[in-house]
Amino acid sequence: MHTSRLIYIESRSGHKIGLRVSLPAHADGTPATGPFPVILVQTAYNINTVSLISYPGAVLLGAPDPFMVRRGYAQVGVDVIGSGVSEGGWELLGETEQSGYGDVVDWIQQQPWSNGDIGLAGASYMAITALFTAQQRPDDIKAIFAAVPMGDPMRGTVNTGACLTHCS
């Protein structure tokens, strides 16, 4: 597996989006040429930190996953607009953040190592970004593995039990 240095792409909103690409590699560590199907994971948890871990199943966190990459998948880990190494102010799943999802899909489709087949993966926050991306780009996304996406954002993020004022 070969994981790239930090890469920045320009979004339509003018923000730079930070990402890392993991590709299958030859025995000497040089990246294979592909093209490969791509697993995209979009996180708000800083890909520089997450990329320090690498183990089977790590794809759900946006970390390089040797199990998947060694089986012929490219993996792209992204910090959404306003989080981690990406530019902008973070607005939890806001309009500007979501506009970047399609920009990343477009970028992946233009890469020589991509065969155009994109799958989305992630747990929790990354599962939510996967579902929003697929909703925006249903013709571009071939598969989704969204583990434990939030079912009720009012209860899950605004206030436990959805009590916005004093509850007795």
Protein backbone atom coordinates (compact mmCIF):
# COMPACT_ATOMS: atom_id res chain seq x y z
CA MET A 1 0.00 0.00 0.00
CA HIS A 2 1.25 3.48 -0.87
CA THR A 3 -0.32 6.50 0.86
CA SER A 4 0.28 9.91 -0.68
CA ARG A 5 1.49 13.02 1.00
CA LEU A 6 -1.21 15.55 1.82
CA ILE A 7 -2.91 16.83 -1.34
CA TYR A 8 -5.13 19.90 -1.67
CA ILE A 9 -7.85 20.36 -4.27
CA GLU A 10 -9.83 23.53 -4.94
CA SER A 11 -13.55 23.47 -4.23
CA ARG A 12 -16.20 25.45 -6.08
CA SER A 13 -16.64 27.49 -2.89
CA GLY A 14 -12.98 28.54 -3.12
CA HIS A 15 -11.83 26.48 -0.14
CA LYS A 16 -8.92 24.07 -0.35
CA ILE A 17 -9.91 20.54 0.60
CA GLY A 18 -7.19 18.33 2.10
CA LEU A 19 -7.01 14.65 1.24
CA ARG A 20 -4.78 11.59 1.13
CA VAL A 21 -4.85 8.82 -1.45
CA SER A 22 -3.89 5.22 -0.71
CA LEU A 23 -3.17 3.01 -3.71
CA PRO A 24 -2.18 -0.62 -4.15
CA ALA A 25 1.61 -0.83 -4.43
CA HIS A 26 4.31 -3.07 -5.82
CA ALA A 27 6.63 -4.99 -3.49
CA ASP A 28 9.11 -2.09 -3.54
CA GLY A 29 6.41 0.34 -2.29
CA THR A 30 5.88 2.23 -5.53
CA PRO A 31 2.20 2.80 -6.32
CA ALA A 32 0.58 0.55 -8.92
CA THR A 33 -0.87 2.41 -11.90
CA GLY A 34 -4.42 1.13 -11.87
CA PRO A 35 -7.05 2.09 -12.68
CA PHE A 36 -8.87 1.03 -9.51
CA PRO A 37 -12.33 1.33 -8.02
CA VAL A 38 -12.26 3.98 -5.30
CA ILE A 39 -13.49 4.00 -1.72
CA LEU A 40 -14.15 7.58 -0.56
CA VAL A 41 -14.36 8.51 3.12
CA GLN A 42 -15.09 12.11 4.12
CA THR A 43 -14.37 12.97 7.73
CA ALA A 44 -14.24 15.90 10.11
CA TYR A 45 -11.62 14.26 12.34
CA ASN A 46 -8.33 15.34 10.72
CA ILE A 47 -6.85 12.95 8.18
CA ASN A 48 -3.31 13.82 9.33
CA THR A 49 -4.07 12.25 12.69
CA VAL A 50 -6.25 9.43 11.36
CA SER A 51 -3.67 8.46 8.72
CA LEU A 52 -1.26 7.48 11.52
CA ILE A 53 -3.34 4.37 12.10
CA SER A 54 -3.55 1.65 9.51
CA TYR A 55 -5.31 -1.63 10.14
CA PRO A 56 -8.06 -3.76 8.59
CA GLY A 57 -11.37 -2.00 9.06
CA ALA A 58 -9.76 1.44 9.41
CA VAL A 59 -11.55 2.51 6.22
CA LEU A 60 -14.62 3.25 8.35
CA LEU A 61 -12.62 5.96 10.13
CA GLY A 62 -11.01 7.35 6.99
CA ALA A 63 -7.63 5.83 7.77
CA PRO A 64 -5.66 3.89 5.16
CA ASP A 65 -6.98 0.33 5.19
CA PRO A 66 -4.43 -2.24 4.02
CA PHE A 67 -7.07 -4.97 3.74
CA MET A 68 -9.06 -3.05 1.12
CA VAL A 69 -6.14 -1.42 -0.70
CA ARG A 70 -4.20 -4.67 -1.07
CA ARG A 71 -7.29 -6.15 -2.68
CA GLY A 72 -7.25 -3.62 -5.49
CA TYR A 73 -9.13 -0.60 -4.19
CA ALA A 74 -7.85 2.96 -4.08
CA GLN A 75 -8.90 4.81 -0.95
CA VAL A 76 -9.37 8.56 -0.63
CA GLY A 77 -9.59 10.08 2.86
CA VAL A 78 -10.85 13.67 2.96
CA ASP A 79 -11.22 16.36 5.60
CA VAL A 80 -14.51 18.09 4.82
CA ILE A 81 -14.51 21.86 4.30
CA GLY A 82 -13.86 23.61 7.60
CA SER A 83 -12.35 20.61 9.39
CA GLY A 84 -8.91 19.11 9.94
CA VAL A 85 -6.48 20.30 7.27
CA SER A 86 -9.17 21.74 4.96
CA GLU A 87 -9.92 25.45 4.75
CA GLY A 88 -13.06 27.20 5.92
CA GLY A 89 -15.14 27.45 9.05
CA TRP A 90 -16.80 24.24 10.11
CA GLU A 91 -20.57 24.27 9.95
CA LEU A 92 -21.66 20.79 10.97
CA LEU A 93 -22.93 19.19 7.72
CA GLY A 94 -23.76 22.67 6.41
CA GLU A 95 -24.29 23.82 2.84
CA THR A 96 -20.68 24.85 2.19
CA GLU A 97 -19.34 21.58 3.59
CA GLN A 98 -21.77 19.57 1.48
CA SER A 99 -20.85 21.50 -1.68
CA GLY A 100 -17.36 20.06 -1.35
CA TYR A 101 -18.61 16.46 -1.50
CA GLY A 102 -19.36 16.70 -5.22
CA ASP A 103 -16.08 18.50 -5.86
CA VAL A 104 -14.19 15.53 -4.44
CA VAL A 105 -16.24 13.08 -6.54
CA ASP A 106 -15.42 15.12 -9.67
CA TRP A 107 -11.72 15.16 -8.77
CA ILE A 108 -11.62 11.39 -8.22
CA GLN A 109 -13.26 10.74 -11.58
CA GLN A 110 -10.52 12.74 -13.31
CA GLN A 111 -7.60 10.81 -11.77
CA PRO A 112 -5.70 8.29 -13.92
CA TRP A 113 -5.69 5.74 -11.06
CA SER A 114 -9.53 5.82 -10.84
CA ASN A 115 -11.69 3.56 -13.00
CA GLY A 116 -14.73 5.78 -12.28
CA ASP A 117 -16.39 3.33 -9.87
CA ILE A 118 -16.77 5.12 -6.54
CA GLY A 119 -17.99 3.60 -3.30
CA LEU A 120 -18.56 5.52 -0.09
CA ALA A 121 -17.79 4.24 3.38
CA GLY A 122 -17.71 5.41 6.94
CA ALA A 123 -19.02 5.10 10.45
CA SER A 124 -21.01 7.76 12.28
CA TYR A 125 -20.14 11.21 10.87
CA MET A 126 -18.46 9.61 7.84
CA ALA A 127 -21.62 7.55 7.25
CA ILE A 128 -23.70 10.73 7.18
CA THR A 129 -21.35 12.39 4.67
CA ALA A 130 -21.59 9.22 2.55
CA LEU A 131 -25.38 9.37 2.49
CA PHE A 132 -25.41 13.08 1.60
CA THR A 133 -22.84 12.52 -1.16
CA ALA A 134 -24.87 9.68 -2.65
CA GLN A 135 -28.01 11.80 -2.51
CA GLN A 136 -26.25 14.59 -4.43
CA ARG A 137 -24.57 12.29 -6.95
CA PRO A 138 -26.68 9.14 -7.34
CA ASP A 139 -25.36 8.39 -10.85
CA ASP A 140 -21.72 8.63 -9.76
CA ILE A 141 -21.84 6.43 -6.67
CA LYS A 142 -21.85 2.64 -7.12
CA ALA A 143 -22.04 1.51 -3.47
CA ILE A 144 -22.37 2.81 0.08
CA PHE A 145 -21.33 1.20 3.35
CA ALA A 146 -22.68 3.63 5.94
CA ALA A 147 -22.28 2.16 9.42
CA VAL A 148 -24.23 3.69 12.30
CA PRO A 149 -25.33 6.98 10.70
CA MET A 150 -27.30 9.20 13.03
CA GLY A 151 -31.01 8.46 13.07
CA ASP A 152 -32.22 11.54 14.94
CA PRO A 153 -29.96 14.61 14.79
CA MET A 154 -32.09 16.56 17.28
CA ARG A 155 -31.55 13.90 19.91
CA GLY A 156 -28.00 13.10 18.82
CA THR A 157 -26.35 16.51 18.53
CA VAL A 158 -28.54 19.37 19.69
CA ASN A 159 -29.48 18.05 23.09
CA THR A 160 -29.77 14.64 24.62
CA GLY A 161 -33.44 13.79 24.78
CA ALA A 162 -34.27 16.79 22.54
CA CYS A 163 -34.82 19.03 25.57
CA LEU A 164 -33.82 22.53 24.44
CA THR A 165 -34.83 24.35 27.60
CA HIS A 166 -35.03 23.34 31.21
CA CYS A 167 -36.82 20.01 31.41
CA SER A 168 -38.21 18.54 34.57
